[in-house]
Every structure is written in structure tokens, then in C-alpha cells.
Amino acid sequence: MFAAASLTDAFNRAGDDFAKSHTRVRFTFNFGSSSTLATQIVNGAPADVFASADEDTMRKVVDAELTDGAPKTFASNRLQIAVARGNPKKIASLADLARPDLILVLAAPTVPAGKYALESLRKAGVVGKPASQEVDVRAVLNKVALGEADAGIVYVTDVLSAGGRVTGVDIPEGAQVIARYPATVVRDARNPELSHAFVDYLVSPDGQTTLRTFGFSAP
């Protein structure tokens, strides 16, 4: 199972729930940036299911004719600014991320979360100068949680997953970017029947309930 880093908590739970009615299944997860995972699949890495945090990255796998059927969009997500717990720097908006006294981190622009963050900053007319560009959105979250950065742009689900280690600052609708998550069965999957069943589970009422628990929205 190759899945975007932002799906880590939700997919671990979804896998457990799915296994209750599919006793033959055993999940091996590979979480990371969608772009890296797509490159691995295109280069021949064995995977049964690929779940991406954006449709453009999924298109690379589709264009390489490495899917078994059309991808299904199963969730959406929104951006949020992650700041240190309690927001000691008093960050109130995207405009604050341009302050010279702040250490800002973003995901790399080749990563969906990084691409979305730059689009959000552009919409707000803000030029952010990140101190680092991280390999995936969870790396951004961890830097803020560990006090190595003052702020980062992540998904609302990431802030929720941090369990109070960071505080979330909302991004207004005018600068918001919606992430949509497609999943597909990879061609030559070792168990295509179970793989298709899991993708179907993600879009089912039970799967949607699990995803909402972790902060994801409907597709």
C-alpha cells in the first residue's frame, strides 16, 4: 500500500477496520510524499494500491498505464498553518509568515502539500521564504512540533493528528486550496481482488466515516 504521508493515521485505522471483514488481508504500508511514491511505482516498485494527495501526481501513474481501472477520489483536505503549541509568536494569518523573525518550513514544491502551500501564499499575495523544504507534509509538521520551526503549512488533518503538540491557524476561503485524494489499484497487483475491495471500502459509507474521524472531508 503506497499512500500519501498525510494518510498515515487514517489508513492505519482503515486497514484495521477493513481487516475485520477480510481476514486474509495483511497490510504493508509505505507512506511518503505522493510524488516520490509515484516515481517509485513508475520505476517498477511493487505496489497493490496507490493513494495520492493530488490528482496531478496520480495522472503520472495513469499516463504510464500502470493502473488497473480508473482511480477513485475518496477524500478531500484543507490547508492550515501549524504553529508552536499555544501560538507564542502570535501568528494570525498567512501574511505573518513573511515576518523576518519567523522560521517558516514548507514541503518541497514537488510534493503536493508544498505545491498547495505556494498556491495558497500566492492567493494571499504573500512571499514566504522557507528555511527548509521538507520531503513530505509530516516532516513539516514534525519540525514545528519539535520547536525547530515557528510555522509550516500543512493539512488540517495533520494538525489534528498532532494531538495538541501544535496549534492550528485557519486559512481563509480566499486563500484556501482544496486537496483531493484519488486511489487506484496498481497494474500487476499481487492481490487485485482485495486491492479493489479496499479502494471500494474507502468510498463506502464505512470508509468515509473512518476518514471523517481523522479530519478528512468528502470527495
C-alpha atoms as a PDB file:
ATOM      1  CA  MET A   1       0.000   0.000   0.000  1.00  0.00           C
ATOM      2  CA  PHE A   2       1.671   3.219  -1.210  1.00  0.00           C
ATOM      3  CA  ALA A   3      -0.072   6.225   0.345  1.00  0.00           C
ATOM      4  CA  ALA A   4       0.489   9.927   0.896  1.00  0.00           C
ATOM      5  CA  ALA A   5       2.083  10.797   4.235  1.00  0.00           C
ATOM      6  CA  SER A   6      -0.999  12.744   5.327  1.00  0.00           C
ATOM      7  CA  LEU A   7      -2.993   9.495   5.198  1.00  0.00           C
ATOM      8  CA  THR A   8      -0.821   7.720   7.772  1.00  0.00           C
ATOM      9  CA  ASP A   9      -3.197   7.728  10.732  1.00  0.00           C
ATOM     10  CA  ALA A  10      -6.396   7.350   8.732  1.00  0.00           C
ATOM     11  CA  PHE A  11      -5.082   4.450   6.657  1.00  0.00           C
ATOM     12  CA  ASN A  12      -3.725   2.590   9.655  1.00  0.00           C
ATOM     13  CA  ARG A  13      -7.225   2.718  11.155  1.00  0.00           C
ATOM     14  CA  ALA A  14      -8.906   1.973   7.825  1.00  0.00           C
ATOM     15  CA  GLY A  15      -6.662  -1.052   7.387  1.00  0.00           C
ATOM     16  CA  ASP A  16      -7.637  -2.381  10.808  1.00  0.00           C
ATOM     17  CA  ASP A  17     -11.331  -1.844  10.090  1.00  0.00           C
ATOM     18  CA  PHE A  18     -11.107  -3.424   6.642  1.00  0.00           C
ATOM     19  CA  ALA A  19      -9.303  -6.465   8.063  1.00  0.00           C
ATOM     20  CA  LYS A  20     -12.244  -7.207  10.370  1.00  0.00           C
ATOM     21  CA  SER A  21     -14.295  -8.334   7.383  1.00  0.00           C
ATOM     22  CA  HIS A  22     -11.397  -9.529   5.199  1.00  0.00           C
ATOM     23  CA  THR A  23      -9.427 -11.946   7.320  1.00  0.00           C
ATOM     24  CA  ARG A  24      -6.983 -12.823   4.535  1.00  0.00           C
ATOM     25  CA  VAL A  25      -5.617  -9.291   4.248  1.00  0.00           C
ATOM     26  CA  ARG A  26      -2.312  -8.097   5.693  1.00  0.00           C
ATOM     27  CA  PHE A  27      -1.232  -4.532   5.057  1.00  0.00           C
ATOM     28  CA  THR A  28       2.297  -3.330   4.436  1.00  0.00           C
ATOM     29  CA  PHE A  29       2.213   0.459   4.255  1.00  0.00           C
ATOM     30  CA  ASN A  30       4.691   2.721   2.511  1.00  0.00           C
ATOM     31  CA  PHE A  31       3.835   6.308   3.458  1.00  0.00           C
ATOM     32  CA  GLY A  32       5.653   9.250   1.898  1.00  0.00           C
ATOM     33  CA  SER A  33       5.318  12.142  -0.495  1.00  0.00           C
ATOM     34  CA  SER A  34       2.930  11.331  -3.320  1.00  0.00           C
ATOM     35  CA  SER A  35       5.453  12.399  -5.942  1.00  0.00           C
ATOM     36  CA  THR A  36       8.140  10.090  -4.567  1.00  0.00           C
ATOM     37  CA  LEU A  37       5.728   7.167  -4.353  1.00  0.00           C
ATOM     38  CA  ALA A  38       4.532   7.726  -7.915  1.00  0.00           C
ATOM     39  CA  THR A  39       8.127   7.769  -9.159  1.00  0.00           C
ATOM     40  CA  GLN A  40       8.805   4.519  -7.330  1.00  0.00           C
ATOM     41  CA  ILE A  41       5.789   2.863  -8.940  1.00  0.00           C
ATOM     42  CA  VAL A  42       6.699   4.122 -12.409  1.00  0.00           C
ATOM     43  CA  ASN A  43      10.204   2.746 -11.857  1.00  0.00           C
ATOM     44  CA  GLY A  44       8.855  -0.700 -11.037  1.00  0.00           C
ATOM     45  CA  ALA A  45       8.378  -0.756  -7.260  1.00  0.00           C
ATOM     46  CA  PRO A  46       5.815  -3.430  -6.318  1.00  0.00           C
ATOM     47  CA  ALA A  47       2.570  -1.952  -5.005  1.00  0.00           C
ATOM     48  CA  ASP A  48      -1.033  -3.089  -4.876  1.00  0.00           C
ATOM     49  CA  VAL A  49      -2.752   0.231  -4.164  1.00  0.00           C
ATOM     50  CA  PHE A  50      -1.603   3.819  -4.630  1.00  0.00           C
ATOM     51  CA  ALA A  51      -3.351   6.695  -2.839  1.00  0.00           C
ATOM     52  CA  SER A  52      -2.164  10.189  -3.744  1.00  0.00           C
ATOM     53  CA  ALA A  53      -2.738  13.584  -2.144  1.00  0.00           C
ATOM     54  CA  ASP A  54      -3.326  15.163  -5.540  1.00  0.00           C
ATOM     55  CA  GLU A  55      -4.739  14.300  -8.923  1.00  0.00           C
ATOM     56  CA  ASP A  56      -1.739  15.553 -10.927  1.00  0.00           C
ATOM     57  CA  THR A  57       0.565  13.006  -9.306  1.00  0.00           C
ATOM     58  CA  MET A  58      -1.950  10.221  -9.851  1.00  0.00           C
ATOM     59  CA  ARG A  59      -2.079  11.206 -13.512  1.00  0.00           C
ATOM     60  CA  LYS A  60       1.598  10.268 -13.870  1.00  0.00           C
ATOM     61  CA  VAL A  61       0.796   6.683 -12.892  1.00  0.00           C
ATOM     62  CA  VAL A  62      -2.279   6.652 -15.126  1.00  0.00           C
ATOM     63  CA  ASP A  63      -0.314   8.019 -18.093  1.00  0.00           C
ATOM     64  CA  ALA A  64       2.297   5.297 -17.570  1.00  0.00           C
ATOM     65  CA  GLU A  65      -0.568   2.775 -17.953  1.00  0.00           C
ATOM     66  CA  LEU A  66       0.159   1.319 -14.531  1.00  0.00           C
ATOM     67  CA  THR A  67      -3.377   1.316 -13.131  1.00  0.00           C
ATOM     68  CA  ASP A  68      -5.970  -1.439 -13.055  1.00  0.00           C
ATOM     69  CA  GLY A  69      -9.069   0.638 -13.668  1.00  0.00           C
ATOM     70  CA  ALA A  70      -9.772   4.334 -13.187  1.00  0.00           C
ATOM     71  CA  PRO A  71      -8.724   5.978  -9.900  1.00  0.00           C
ATOM     72  CA  LYS A  72     -11.468   6.827  -7.414  1.00  0.00           C
ATOM     73  CA  THR A  73     -11.413  10.082  -5.470  1.00  0.00           C
ATOM     74  CA  PHE A  74     -12.167   9.182  -1.861  1.00  0.00           C
ATOM     75  CA  ALA A  75     -11.422  12.265   0.266  1.00  0.00           C
ATOM     76  CA  SER A  76     -10.556  15.935   0.313  1.00  0.00           C
ATOM     77  CA  ASN A  77      -8.486  18.028   2.688  1.00  0.00           C
ATOM     78  CA  ARG A  78      -7.818  21.668   3.532  1.00  0.00           C
ATOM     79  CA  LEU A  79      -4.717  23.622   4.441  1.00  0.00           C
ATOM     80  CA  GLN A  80      -3.929  25.054   7.852  1.00  0.00           C
ATOM     81  CA  ILE A  81      -0.959  26.870   9.368  1.00  0.00           C
ATOM     82  CA  ALA A  82       0.731  24.770  12.052  1.00  0.00           C
ATOM     83  CA  VAL A  83       2.417  26.819  14.782  1.00  0.00           C
ATOM     84  CA  ALA A  84       4.017  26.025  18.113  1.00  0.00           C
ATOM     85  CA  ARG A  85       1.586  24.971  20.807  1.00  0.00           C
ATOM     86  CA  GLY A  86      -0.215  27.996  22.186  1.00  0.00           C
ATOM     87  CA  ASN A  87       0.939  30.141  19.256  1.00  0.00           C
ATOM     88  CA  PRO A  88       3.646  32.087  21.155  1.00  0.00           C
ATOM     89  CA  LYS A  89       4.599  34.057  18.025  1.00  0.00           C
ATOM     90  CA  LYS A  90       1.000  35.319  17.680  1.00  0.00           C
ATOM     91  CA  ILE A  91       0.673  34.176  14.076  1.00  0.00           C
ATOM     92  CA  ALA A  92      -2.787  35.151  12.854  1.00  0.00           C
ATOM     93  CA  SER A  93      -2.650  34.894   9.066  1.00  0.00           C
ATOM     94  CA  LEU A  94      -0.634  33.911   6.033  1.00  0.00           C
ATOM     95  CA  ALA A  95       0.751  37.466   5.941  1.00  0.00           C
ATOM     96  CA  ASP A  96       2.550  36.797   9.210  1.00  0.00           C
ATOM     97  CA  LEU A  97       4.575  34.044   7.543  1.00  0.00           C
ATOM     98  CA  ALA A  98       6.598  36.722   5.765  1.00  0.00           C
ATOM     99  CA  ARG A  99       7.807  38.178   9.078  1.00  0.00           C
ATOM    100  CA  PRO A 100      11.626  38.122   9.330  1.00  0.00           C
ATOM    101  CA  ASP A 101      11.500  36.912  12.937  1.00  0.00           C
ATOM    102  CA  LEU A 102       9.773  33.654  11.986  1.00  0.00           C
ATOM    103  CA  ILE A 103      11.281  30.347  10.899  1.00  0.00           C
ATOM    104  CA  LEU A 104       8.951  29.006   8.208  1.00  0.00           C
ATOM    105  CA  VAL A 105       9.141  25.496   6.755  1.00  0.00           C
ATOM    106  CA  LEU A 106       7.195  24.141   3.798  1.00  0.00           C
ATOM    107  CA  ALA A 107       7.076  20.872   1.942  1.00  0.00           C
ATOM    108  CA  ALA A 108       9.131  20.886  -1.241  1.00  0.00           C
ATOM    109  CA  PRO A 109       7.254  22.280  -4.278  1.00  0.00           C
ATOM    110  CA  THR A 110       7.414  18.867  -5.956  1.00  0.00           C
ATOM    111  CA  VAL A 111       5.283  17.497  -3.090  1.00  0.00           C
ATOM    112  CA  PRO A 112       1.500  18.099  -3.191  1.00  0.00           C
ATOM    113  CA  ALA A 113       1.490  19.862   0.197  1.00  0.00           C
ATOM    114  CA  GLY A 114       4.333  22.114  -0.935  1.00  0.00           C
ATOM    115  CA  LYS A 115       2.611  22.930  -4.208  1.00  0.00           C
ATOM    116  CA  TYR A 116      -0.642  23.701  -2.384  1.00  0.00           C
ATOM    117  CA  ALA A 117       1.188  25.877   0.175  1.00  0.00           C
ATOM    118  CA  LEU A 118       2.794  28.011  -2.524  1.00  0.00           C
ATOM    119  CA  GLU A 119      -0.561  28.379  -4.266  1.00  0.00           C
ATOM    120  CA  SER A 120      -2.176  29.474  -1.015  1.00  0.00           C
ATOM    121  CA  LEU A 121       0.562  32.040  -0.352  1.00  0.00           C
ATOM    122  CA  ARG A 122       0.221  33.323  -3.907  1.00  0.00           C
ATOM    123  CA  LYS A 123      -3.531  33.756  -3.471  1.00  0.00           C
ATOM    124  CA  ALA A 124      -2.870  35.779  -0.314  1.00  0.00           C
ATOM    125  CA  GLY A 125      -0.196  37.879  -2.012  1.00  0.00           C
ATOM    126  CA  VAL A 126       2.444  36.678   0.442  1.00  0.00           C
ATOM    127  CA  VAL A 127       6.059  35.869  -0.394  1.00  0.00           C
ATOM    128  CA  GLY A 128       7.253  33.304   2.112  1.00  0.00           C
ATOM    129  CA  LYS A 129      10.912  32.414   2.464  1.00  0.00           C
ATOM    130  CA  PRO A 130      11.078  28.926   3.941  1.00  0.00           C
ATOM    131  CA  ALA A 131      14.137  27.996   5.951  1.00  0.00           C
ATOM    132  CA  SER A 132      13.814  24.473   4.552  1.00  0.00           C
ATOM    133  CA  GLN A 133      11.775  22.473   2.080  1.00  0.00           C
ATOM    134  CA  GLU A 134      10.802  19.127   3.550  1.00  0.00           C
ATOM    135  CA  VAL A 135      10.339  15.742   1.884  1.00  0.00           C
ATOM    136  CA  ASP A 136       6.673  15.480   2.880  1.00  0.00           C
ATOM    137  CA  VAL A 137       3.989  17.193   4.929  1.00  0.00           C
ATOM    138  CA  ARG A 138       4.627  15.127   8.061  1.00  0.00           C
ATOM    139  CA  ALA A 139       8.235  16.335   8.085  1.00  0.00           C
ATOM    140  CA  VAL A 140       6.913  19.908   8.109  1.00  0.00           C
ATOM    141  CA  LEU A 141       4.585  19.065  10.988  1.00  0.00           C
ATOM    142  CA  ASN A 142       7.364  17.409  12.983  1.00  0.00           C
ATOM    143  CA  LYS A 143       9.696  20.397  12.646  1.00  0.00           C
ATOM    144  CA  VAL A 144       7.040  22.676  14.095  1.00  0.00           C
ATOM    145  CA  ALA A 145       6.120  20.170  16.821  1.00  0.00           C
ATOM    146  CA  LEU A 146       9.773  19.793  17.825  1.00  0.00           C
ATOM    147  CA  GLY A 147      10.348  23.547  18.000  1.00  0.00           C
ATOM    148  CA  GLU A 148      12.705  23.562  15.018  1.00  0.00           C
ATOM    149  CA  ALA A 149      10.383  25.915  13.136  1.00  0.00           C
ATOM    150  CA  ASP A 150       7.834  28.527  14.143  1.00  0.00           C
ATOM    151  CA  ALA A 151       5.302  27.747  11.439  1.00  0.00           C
ATOM    152  CA  GLY A 152       4.526  25.493   8.500  1.00  0.00           C
ATOM    153  CA  ILE A 153       1.646  24.998   6.102  1.00  0.00           C
ATOM    154  CA  VAL A 154       0.147  21.535   6.446  1.00  0.00           C
ATOM    155  CA  TYR A 155      -3.279  19.913   6.176  1.00  0.00           C
ATOM    156  CA  VAL A 156      -5.966  20.282   8.833  1.00  0.00           C
ATOM    157  CA  THR A 157      -5.699  16.518   9.323  1.00  0.00           C
ATOM    158  CA  ASP A 158      -2.029  16.861  10.241  1.00  0.00           C
ATOM    159  CA  VAL A 159      -2.755  19.419  12.943  1.00  0.00           C
ATOM    160  CA  LEU A 160      -5.447  17.103  14.295  1.00  0.00           C
ATOM    161  CA  SER A 161      -3.036  14.165  14.262  1.00  0.00           C
ATOM    162  CA  ALA A 162      -0.505  16.102  16.349  1.00  0.00           C
ATOM    163  CA  GLY A 163      -2.751  15.781  19.366  1.00  0.00           C
ATOM    164  CA  GLY A 164      -2.027  19.195  20.845  1.00  0.00           C
ATOM    165  CA  ARG A 165       1.685  19.296  20.057  1.00  0.00           C
ATOM    166  CA  VAL A 166       0.939  22.147  17.643  1.00  0.00           C
ATOM    167  CA  THR A 167      -1.791  24.753  17.261  1.00  0.00           C
ATOM    168  CA  GLY A 168      -3.653  25.322  14.005  1.00  0.00           C
ATOM    169  CA  VAL A 169      -4.301  28.739  12.473  1.00  0.00           C
ATOM    170  CA  ASP A 170      -7.067  28.743   9.882  1.00  0.00           C
ATOM    171  CA  ILE A 171      -6.541  29.910   6.311  1.00  0.00           C
ATOM    172  CA  PRO A 172      -9.466  31.952   4.888  1.00  0.00           C
ATOM    173  CA  GLU A 173     -11.502  30.738   1.955  1.00  0.00           C
ATOM    174  CA  GLY A 174      -9.951  33.244  -0.435  1.00  0.00           C
ATOM    175  CA  ALA A 175      -6.511  31.723   0.049  1.00  0.00           C
ATOM    176  CA  GLN A 176      -7.603  28.155   0.693  1.00  0.00           C
ATOM    177  CA  VAL A 177      -6.596  25.261  -1.564  1.00  0.00           C
ATOM    178  CA  ILE A 178      -8.547  22.011  -1.524  1.00  0.00           C
ATOM    179  CA  ALA A 179      -6.572  18.784  -1.852  1.00  0.00           C
ATOM    180  CA  ARG A 180      -8.372  15.844  -3.450  1.00  0.00           C
ATOM    181  CA  TYR A 181      -7.193  12.294  -2.874  1.00  0.00           C
ATOM    182  CA  PRO A 182      -7.549   9.596  -5.557  1.00  0.00           C
ATOM    183  CA  ALA A 183      -6.717   5.922  -5.052  1.00  0.00           C
ATOM    184  CA  THR A 184      -6.151   3.219  -7.624  1.00  0.00           C
ATOM    185  CA  VAL A 185      -5.219  -0.427  -7.881  1.00  0.00           C
ATOM    186  CA  VAL A 186      -1.790  -0.748  -9.463  1.00  0.00           C
ATOM    187  CA  ARG A 187      -1.444  -2.911 -12.533  1.00  0.00           C
ATOM    188  CA  ASP A 188       0.024  -6.335 -11.710  1.00  0.00           C
ATOM    189  CA  ALA A 189      -1.113  -6.045  -8.089  1.00  0.00           C
ATOM    190  CA  ARG A 190      -0.372  -9.268  -6.229  1.00  0.00           C
ATOM    191  CA  ASN A 191      -3.925  -9.448  -4.939  1.00  0.00           C
ATOM    192  CA  PRO A 192      -6.139  -7.391  -7.242  1.00  0.00           C
ATOM    193  CA  GLU A 193      -9.398  -8.669  -5.713  1.00  0.00           C
ATOM    194  CA  LEU A 194      -8.544  -7.458  -2.206  1.00  0.00           C
ATOM    195  CA  SER A 195      -6.965  -4.298  -3.599  1.00  0.00           C
ATOM    196  CA  HIS A 196     -10.140  -3.328  -5.431  1.00  0.00           C
ATOM    197  CA  ALA A 197     -12.152  -4.186  -2.337  1.00  0.00           C
ATOM    198  CA  PHE A 198     -10.066  -1.794  -0.237  1.00  0.00           C
ATOM    199  CA  VAL A 199     -10.430   1.072  -2.721  1.00  0.00           C
ATOM    200  CA  ASP A 200     -14.188   0.400  -2.759  1.00  0.00           C
ATOM    201  CA  TYR A 201     -14.139   0.454   1.055  1.00  0.00           C
ATOM    202  CA  LEU A 202     -12.581   3.928   1.045  1.00  0.00           C
ATOM    203  CA  VAL A 203     -15.543   5.368  -0.866  1.00  0.00           C
ATOM    204  CA  SER A 204     -18.129   3.345   1.062  1.00  0.00           C
ATOM    205  CA  PRO A 205     -20.129   4.828   3.978  1.00  0.00           C
ATOM    206  CA  ASP A 206     -17.973   2.927   6.495  1.00  0.00           C
ATOM    207  CA  GLY A 207     -14.739   4.133   4.903  1.00  0.00           C
ATOM    208  CA  GLN A 208     -15.996   7.706   4.730  1.00  0.00           C
ATOM    209  CA  THR A 209     -16.905   7.586   8.423  1.00  0.00           C
ATOM    210  CA  THR A 210     -13.375   6.497   9.294  1.00  0.00           C
ATOM    211  CA  LEU A 211     -11.831   9.227   7.149  1.00  0.00           C
ATOM    212  CA  ARG A 212     -14.039  11.898   8.721  1.00  0.00           C
ATOM    213  CA  THR A 213     -12.822  10.779  12.143  1.00  0.00           C
ATOM    214  CA  PHE A 214      -9.344  11.891  11.108  1.00  0.00           C
ATOM    215  CA  GLY A 215     -10.477  15.233   9.729  1.00  0.00           C
ATOM    216  CA  PHE A 216     -10.881  14.425   6.042  1.00  0.00           C
ATOM    217  CA  SER A 217     -13.856  15.747   4.115  1.00  0.00           C
ATOM    218  CA  ALA A 218     -15.982  14.061   1.473  1.00  0.00           C
ATOM    219  CA  PRO A 219     -14.523  13.878  -2.027  1.00  0.00           C
END
